[in-house]
N, C-alpha and C. Protein backbone atom coordinates (compact mmCIF):
# COMPACT_ATOMS: atom_id res chain seq x y z
N MET A 1 206.93 197.93 231.61
CA MET A 1 206.58 199.07 230.75
C MET A 1 206.60 198.51 229.29
N GLY A 2 207.76 197.73 229.02
CA GLY A 2 207.75 197.37 227.48
C GLY A 2 206.69 196.53 227.16
N PHE A 3 206.34 195.51 227.92
CA PHE A 3 204.96 194.83 227.62
C PHE A 3 203.84 195.50 227.46
N ASN A 4 203.58 196.60 228.36
CA ASN A 4 202.31 197.30 228.38
C ASN A 4 202.20 198.33 227.09
N TYR A 5 203.25 198.71 226.70
CA TYR A 5 203.38 199.80 225.56
C TYR A 5 203.41 198.88 224.16
N GLY A 6 203.97 197.80 224.44
CA GLY A 6 204.14 196.73 223.23
C GLY A 6 202.62 196.26 222.92
N ALA A 7 201.92 196.22 223.89
CA ALA A 7 200.34 195.76 223.63
C ALA A 7 199.62 196.93 222.93
N TYR A 8 199.83 198.13 223.48
CA TYR A 8 199.32 199.26 222.91
C TYR A 8 199.79 199.64 221.53
N LEU A 9 200.93 199.41 221.24
CA LEU A 9 201.41 199.64 220.06
C LEU A 9 201.09 198.73 218.96
N SER A 10 200.75 197.50 219.63
CA SER A 10 200.36 196.35 218.37
C SER A 10 198.83 196.62 218.03
N LYS A 11 197.93 197.28 218.88
CA LYS A 11 196.72 197.44 218.58
C LYS A 11 196.83 198.79 217.57
N VAL A 12 197.83 199.75 217.75
CA VAL A 12 197.99 200.93 216.96
C VAL A 12 198.26 200.51 215.61
N PHE A 13 199.16 199.47 215.32
CA PHE A 13 199.77 198.97 214.15
C PHE A 13 198.70 198.24 213.55
N ARG A 14 197.86 197.54 214.03
CA ARG A 14 196.79 196.74 213.54
C ARG A 14 195.66 197.76 213.20
N SER A 15 195.36 198.61 213.81
CA SER A 15 194.30 199.52 213.44
C SER A 15 194.70 200.50 212.21
N GLY A 16 196.01 200.69 212.12
CA GLY A 16 196.42 201.37 211.05
C GLY A 16 196.51 200.49 209.74
N LEU A 17 196.64 199.12 209.93
CA LEU A 17 196.62 198.26 208.54
C LEU A 17 195.19 198.20 208.43
N GLU A 18 194.11 198.03 209.27
CA GLU A 18 192.87 197.71 208.90
C GLU A 18 192.14 199.01 208.29
N GLY A 19 192.82 200.41 208.82
CA GLY A 19 192.10 201.78 208.47
C GLY A 19 192.20 201.78 206.87
N VAL A 20 193.17 201.17 206.21
CA VAL A 20 193.40 201.06 204.79
C VAL A 20 192.15 200.48 204.02
N PRO A 21 191.27 201.32 203.27
CA PRO A 21 190.40 200.57 202.69
C PRO A 21 190.47 199.33 201.96
N LYS A 22 189.67 198.32 202.01
CA LYS A 22 189.85 197.06 201.21
C LYS A 22 189.79 197.06 199.88
N GLY A 23 189.26 198.23 199.05
CA GLY A 23 189.23 198.37 197.80
C GLY A 23 190.82 198.70 197.16
N GLN A 24 191.49 199.21 198.23
CA GLN A 24 193.02 199.45 197.63
C GLN A 24 193.55 198.09 197.43
N THR A 25 193.45 197.07 198.18
CA THR A 25 194.09 195.76 197.96
C THR A 25 193.57 195.10 196.75
N GLY A 26 192.35 195.22 196.69
CA GLY A 26 191.72 194.47 195.50
C GLY A 26 192.02 195.29 194.35
N ALA A 27 192.08 196.62 194.24
CA ALA A 27 192.59 197.23 192.82
C ALA A 27 194.05 196.85 192.48
N SER A 28 195.06 196.76 193.69
CA SER A 28 196.38 196.43 193.43
C SER A 28 196.40 195.24 193.13
N LEU A 29 195.68 194.12 193.66
CA LEU A 29 195.74 192.69 193.17
C LEU A 29 195.18 192.65 191.82
N SER A 30 194.09 193.52 191.00
CA SER A 30 193.72 193.27 190.01
C SER A 30 194.68 193.85 188.95
N LEU A 31 195.37 194.66 189.29
CA LEU A 31 196.73 195.39 188.66
C LEU A 31 197.80 194.28 188.46
N GLY A 32 197.80 193.20 188.92
CA GLY A 32 198.79 192.47 188.81
C GLY A 32 200.14 192.32 189.76
N LEU A 33 199.85 192.98 190.93
CA LEU A 33 200.66 193.16 191.99
C LEU A 33 200.66 191.90 192.91
N SER A 34 201.77 191.46 193.48
CA SER A 34 201.65 190.23 194.11
C SER A 34 201.36 190.70 195.68
N GLY A 35 201.04 189.79 196.50
CA GLY A 35 200.85 190.12 197.86
C GLY A 35 201.97 190.96 198.64
N ARG A 36 203.05 190.76 198.41
CA ARG A 36 204.17 191.58 199.06
C ARG A 36 204.41 192.69 198.36
N GLN A 37 204.21 192.88 197.15
CA GLN A 37 203.97 194.12 196.47
C GLN A 37 203.02 195.22 196.84
N THR A 38 201.67 194.63 197.11
CA THR A 38 200.51 195.33 197.63
C THR A 38 201.05 195.74 199.01
N LEU A 39 201.43 195.10 199.81
CA LEU A 39 201.69 195.38 201.40
C LEU A 39 202.69 196.52 201.37
N TRP A 40 203.82 196.33 200.53
CA TRP A 40 205.02 197.35 200.67
C TRP A 40 204.78 198.57 199.90
N ARG A 41 203.79 198.43 198.57
CA ARG A 41 203.87 199.84 197.99
C ARG A 41 202.31 200.46 197.91
N ILE A 42 201.54 199.69 198.37
CA ILE A 42 200.28 200.21 198.86
C ILE A 42 199.59 200.55 200.08
N ILE A 43 199.67 199.26 200.68
CA ILE A 43 199.16 199.26 202.07
C ILE A 43 199.83 199.99 203.07
N LEU A 44 201.09 199.85 203.23
CA LEU A 44 202.14 200.34 204.33
C LEU A 44 202.25 202.04 203.92
N PRO A 45 202.35 202.33 202.91
CA PRO A 45 202.60 203.80 202.81
C PRO A 45 201.13 204.60 203.46
N GLN A 46 200.28 204.05 203.07
CA GLN A 46 198.82 204.80 203.64
C GLN A 46 198.53 204.38 205.30
N ALA A 47 199.00 203.26 205.47
CA ALA A 47 199.01 202.75 207.01
C ALA A 47 199.88 203.79 207.66
N ILE A 48 201.07 204.17 207.33
CA ILE A 48 202.01 205.03 208.11
C ILE A 48 201.16 206.28 208.51
N LEU A 49 200.52 206.85 207.61
CA LEU A 49 200.01 208.07 207.84
C LEU A 49 198.87 207.90 209.06
N ILE A 50 198.23 206.83 209.15
CA ILE A 50 197.28 206.52 210.22
C ILE A 50 198.10 206.06 211.50
N ILE A 51 199.06 205.57 211.50
CA ILE A 51 199.75 204.95 212.58
C ILE A 51 200.62 206.07 213.21
N LEU A 52 201.31 206.92 212.58
CA LEU A 52 202.10 208.02 213.02
C LEU A 52 201.56 208.90 214.23
N PRO A 53 200.45 209.49 214.29
CA PRO A 53 200.09 210.31 215.49
C PRO A 53 200.00 209.42 216.76
N PRO A 54 199.31 208.53 216.72
CA PRO A 54 199.17 207.45 218.03
C PRO A 54 200.64 207.03 218.45
N PHE A 55 201.24 206.61 217.51
CA PHE A 55 202.65 206.09 217.71
C PHE A 55 203.64 207.02 218.40
N THR A 56 203.60 208.19 217.81
CA THR A 56 204.51 209.38 218.68
C THR A 56 203.85 209.63 219.91
N ASN A 57 202.55 209.74 220.02
CA ASN A 57 201.74 209.93 221.41
C ASN A 57 202.14 208.96 222.53
N ASN A 58 202.23 207.67 222.12
CA ASN A 58 202.43 206.72 222.78
C ASN A 58 203.91 206.66 223.25
N PHE A 59 204.83 207.08 222.27
CA PHE A 59 206.39 207.00 222.46
C PHE A 59 206.68 208.26 223.65
N ILE A 60 206.08 209.18 223.36
CA ILE A 60 206.18 210.43 224.47
C ILE A 60 205.62 210.06 225.77
N THR A 61 204.54 209.54 225.55
CA THR A 61 203.81 208.96 227.05
C THR A 61 204.85 208.08 227.87
N LEU A 62 205.36 207.25 226.94
CA LEU A 62 206.33 206.06 227.46
C LEU A 62 207.43 206.89 228.32
N MET A 63 208.04 207.85 227.59
CA MET A 63 208.99 208.68 228.18
C MET A 63 208.53 209.26 229.49
N GLN A 64 207.39 209.89 229.58
CA GLN A 64 206.93 210.53 230.68
C GLN A 64 206.76 209.43 231.93
N ASP A 65 206.19 208.32 231.41
CA ASP A 65 206.06 207.38 232.45
C ASP A 65 207.27 206.68 233.20
N CYS A 66 208.35 206.64 232.20
CA CYS A 66 209.58 206.22 232.83
C CYS A 66 210.23 207.19 233.73
N ALA A 67 209.79 208.78 233.52
CA ALA A 67 210.41 209.62 234.44
C ALA A 67 209.43 209.43 235.79
N LEU A 68 208.19 209.12 235.65
CA LEU A 68 207.45 208.97 236.89
C LEU A 68 208.00 207.82 237.60
N LEU A 69 208.14 206.55 236.98
CA LEU A 69 208.86 205.50 237.69
C LEU A 69 210.19 205.70 238.35
N VAL A 70 210.94 206.58 237.80
CA VAL A 70 212.08 207.09 238.27
C VAL A 70 211.93 207.78 239.74
N VAL A 71 210.96 208.86 239.60
CA VAL A 71 210.77 209.49 240.74
C VAL A 71 210.05 208.68 241.93
N ILE A 72 209.47 207.41 241.41
CA ILE A 72 208.79 206.57 242.58
C ILE A 72 210.17 205.78 243.13
N GLY A 73 211.01 205.26 242.34
CA GLY A 73 211.86 204.40 242.61
C GLY A 73 213.12 204.77 243.37
N VAL A 74 213.48 205.96 243.10
CA VAL A 74 214.72 206.79 243.70
C VAL A 74 214.58 206.71 245.30
N PRO A 75 213.40 207.32 245.83
CA PRO A 75 213.23 207.30 247.28
C PRO A 75 213.30 206.11 247.77
N GLU A 76 212.88 205.05 247.36
CA GLU A 76 212.92 203.72 247.78
C GLU A 76 214.18 203.18 247.75
N LEU A 77 214.94 203.44 246.80
CA LEU A 77 216.35 202.81 246.55
C LEU A 77 217.35 203.79 247.85
N GLN A 78 216.95 205.03 247.89
CA GLN A 78 217.68 205.75 248.99
C GLN A 78 217.22 205.12 250.27
N ASN A 79 216.14 204.83 250.63
CA ASN A 79 215.73 204.11 252.13
C ASN A 79 216.39 202.71 252.21
N MET A 80 216.62 202.16 251.05
CA MET A 80 217.41 200.82 251.08
C MET A 80 218.62 201.00 251.53
N THR A 81 219.31 201.90 250.93
CA THR A 81 220.84 202.06 250.89
C THR A 81 221.24 203.20 252.13
N SER A 82 220.21 203.65 252.79
CA SER A 82 220.83 204.52 253.68
C SER A 82 221.50 204.12 254.76
N ASN A 83 221.34 202.77 255.09
CA ASN A 83 222.10 202.09 256.15
C ASN A 83 223.51 201.76 255.93
N MET A 84 223.91 201.93 254.51
CA MET A 84 225.23 201.70 254.06
C MET A 84 226.01 202.81 254.42
N THR A 85 227.16 202.90 254.43
CA THR A 85 228.30 204.01 254.86
C THR A 85 228.65 204.38 253.29
N SER A 86 228.02 204.58 252.38
CA SER A 86 228.23 205.16 250.98
C SER A 86 227.82 206.75 251.03
N THR A 87 228.77 207.55 250.47
CA THR A 87 228.47 208.94 250.41
C THR A 87 227.48 209.34 249.34
N PHE A 88 227.15 208.28 248.44
CA PHE A 88 226.28 208.38 247.35
C PHE A 88 224.79 208.33 247.82
N ALA A 89 224.76 207.47 248.69
CA ALA A 89 223.32 207.18 249.22
C ALA A 89 222.83 208.20 250.41
N ASN A 90 224.02 208.86 250.84
CA ASN A 90 223.45 209.78 251.82
C ASN A 90 222.49 211.09 251.03
N PRO A 91 221.68 211.57 251.64
CA PRO A 91 220.86 212.69 250.88
C PRO A 91 221.37 213.91 251.02
N MET A 92 221.64 214.70 250.12
CA MET A 92 222.06 216.04 249.95
C MET A 92 221.42 217.01 250.83
N THR A 93 222.28 217.66 251.65
CA THR A 93 221.75 218.73 252.65
C THR A 93 221.84 220.24 252.06
N ASP A 94 222.46 220.38 251.00
CA ASP A 94 222.65 221.67 250.34
C ASP A 94 221.43 222.01 249.56
N PRO A 95 220.66 222.91 249.82
CA PRO A 95 219.49 223.27 249.00
C PRO A 95 219.61 223.69 247.76
N GLN A 96 220.78 224.49 247.69
CA GLN A 96 221.35 224.94 246.26
C GLN A 96 221.51 223.75 245.26
N ARG A 97 222.40 222.78 245.81
CA ARG A 97 222.60 221.64 245.09
C ARG A 97 221.46 220.91 244.65
N LYS A 98 220.52 220.74 245.46
CA LYS A 98 219.26 219.98 245.18
C LYS A 98 218.56 220.76 243.96
N LEU A 99 218.42 222.12 244.20
CA LEU A 99 217.62 222.66 243.26
C LEU A 99 218.37 222.76 241.83
N PHE A 100 219.63 222.89 241.79
CA PHE A 100 220.47 222.50 240.70
C PHE A 100 220.14 221.25 239.97
N ILE A 101 220.12 220.26 240.60
CA ILE A 101 219.97 218.89 240.16
C ILE A 101 218.37 218.67 239.76
N TYR A 102 217.56 219.32 240.35
CA TYR A 102 216.13 219.21 239.85
C TYR A 102 215.84 220.15 238.65
N VAL A 103 216.54 221.33 238.40
CA VAL A 103 216.47 222.14 237.29
C VAL A 103 217.04 221.28 236.21
N LEU A 104 218.42 220.71 236.45
CA LEU A 104 218.97 219.98 235.33
C LEU A 104 218.06 218.89 234.71
N GLY A 105 217.40 218.30 235.82
CA GLY A 105 216.64 217.22 235.39
C GLY A 105 215.42 217.49 234.59
N ALA A 106 214.93 218.68 234.77
CA ALA A 106 213.74 219.33 234.13
C ALA A 106 214.27 219.59 232.52
N MET A 107 215.39 220.27 232.66
CA MET A 107 215.75 220.64 231.36
C MET A 107 216.17 219.56 230.28
N PHE A 108 216.55 218.26 231.17
CA PHE A 108 216.92 217.25 230.18
C PHE A 108 215.68 216.66 229.83
N TYR A 109 214.72 216.60 230.70
CA TYR A 109 213.32 216.01 230.27
C TYR A 109 212.89 216.87 229.18
N PHE A 110 212.74 218.16 229.30
CA PHE A 110 212.24 218.95 228.49
C PHE A 110 213.05 218.78 226.98
N ALA A 111 214.24 218.57 227.11
CA ALA A 111 215.17 218.44 225.88
C ALA A 111 214.69 217.26 225.18
N LEU A 112 214.15 216.30 225.74
CA LEU A 112 213.87 214.94 225.23
C LEU A 112 212.41 214.97 224.78
N CYS A 113 211.44 215.58 225.50
CA CYS A 113 210.08 215.63 225.06
C CYS A 113 209.82 216.61 223.90
N PHE A 114 210.31 217.82 224.01
CA PHE A 114 209.82 218.87 223.10
C PHE A 114 210.27 218.54 221.79
N PRO A 115 211.49 218.15 221.38
CA PRO A 115 211.71 217.93 219.92
C PRO A 115 210.74 216.63 219.32
N LEU A 116 210.69 215.83 220.26
CA LEU A 116 209.64 214.86 219.97
C LEU A 116 208.36 215.23 219.53
N SER A 117 207.73 216.10 220.28
CA SER A 117 206.61 216.63 219.89
C SER A 117 206.48 217.36 218.77
N ARG A 118 207.54 218.25 218.54
CA ARG A 118 207.81 218.97 217.37
C ARG A 118 207.81 218.12 216.19
N LEU A 119 208.53 217.09 216.29
CA LEU A 119 208.74 216.39 215.15
C LEU A 119 207.45 215.61 214.73
N SER A 120 206.82 215.11 215.68
CA SER A 120 205.51 214.50 215.49
C SER A 120 204.42 215.75 214.76
N ARG A 121 204.53 216.78 215.34
CA ARG A 121 203.51 217.84 214.53
C ARG A 121 203.98 218.13 213.08
N PHE A 122 205.19 218.06 212.80
CA PHE A 122 205.82 218.13 211.65
C PHE A 122 205.35 216.98 210.65
N LEU A 123 205.66 215.88 211.05
CA LEU A 123 205.19 214.61 210.25
C LEU A 123 203.71 214.60 210.03
N GLU A 124 203.09 214.80 211.09
CA GLU A 124 201.53 214.95 210.75
C GLU A 124 201.05 215.87 209.80
N GLN A 125 201.77 217.00 209.77
CA GLN A 125 201.34 218.07 208.83
C GLN A 125 201.78 217.68 207.43
N ARG A 126 202.81 216.96 207.29
CA ARG A 126 203.03 216.38 205.93
C ARG A 126 202.16 215.39 205.30
């Protein structure tokens, strides 16, 4: 997942840097700024505005995909460890306990994703 989203984010950063008009670079160089000063003071502040929405969307999607992989991976691990005599590997039989764990997981997932989406919306409006 890290390599996959790393590839997506490299495209996001590249498109953000290329989204800044070329005239900005030419104007800053004609004013006597060095290449490093042009990048840090002119190009990056404008590119961050372009990069921010897709970056936060990819980050939230990464969290959701990690949750999906956990849901796929946990039953497989339970099947592999069911032959062992561990109390942790045995499935729970109390439905109230299962419901509590699912609700707790949903609340934790919501507590992670909702503030990130609100922060993203706030930063996009600024």
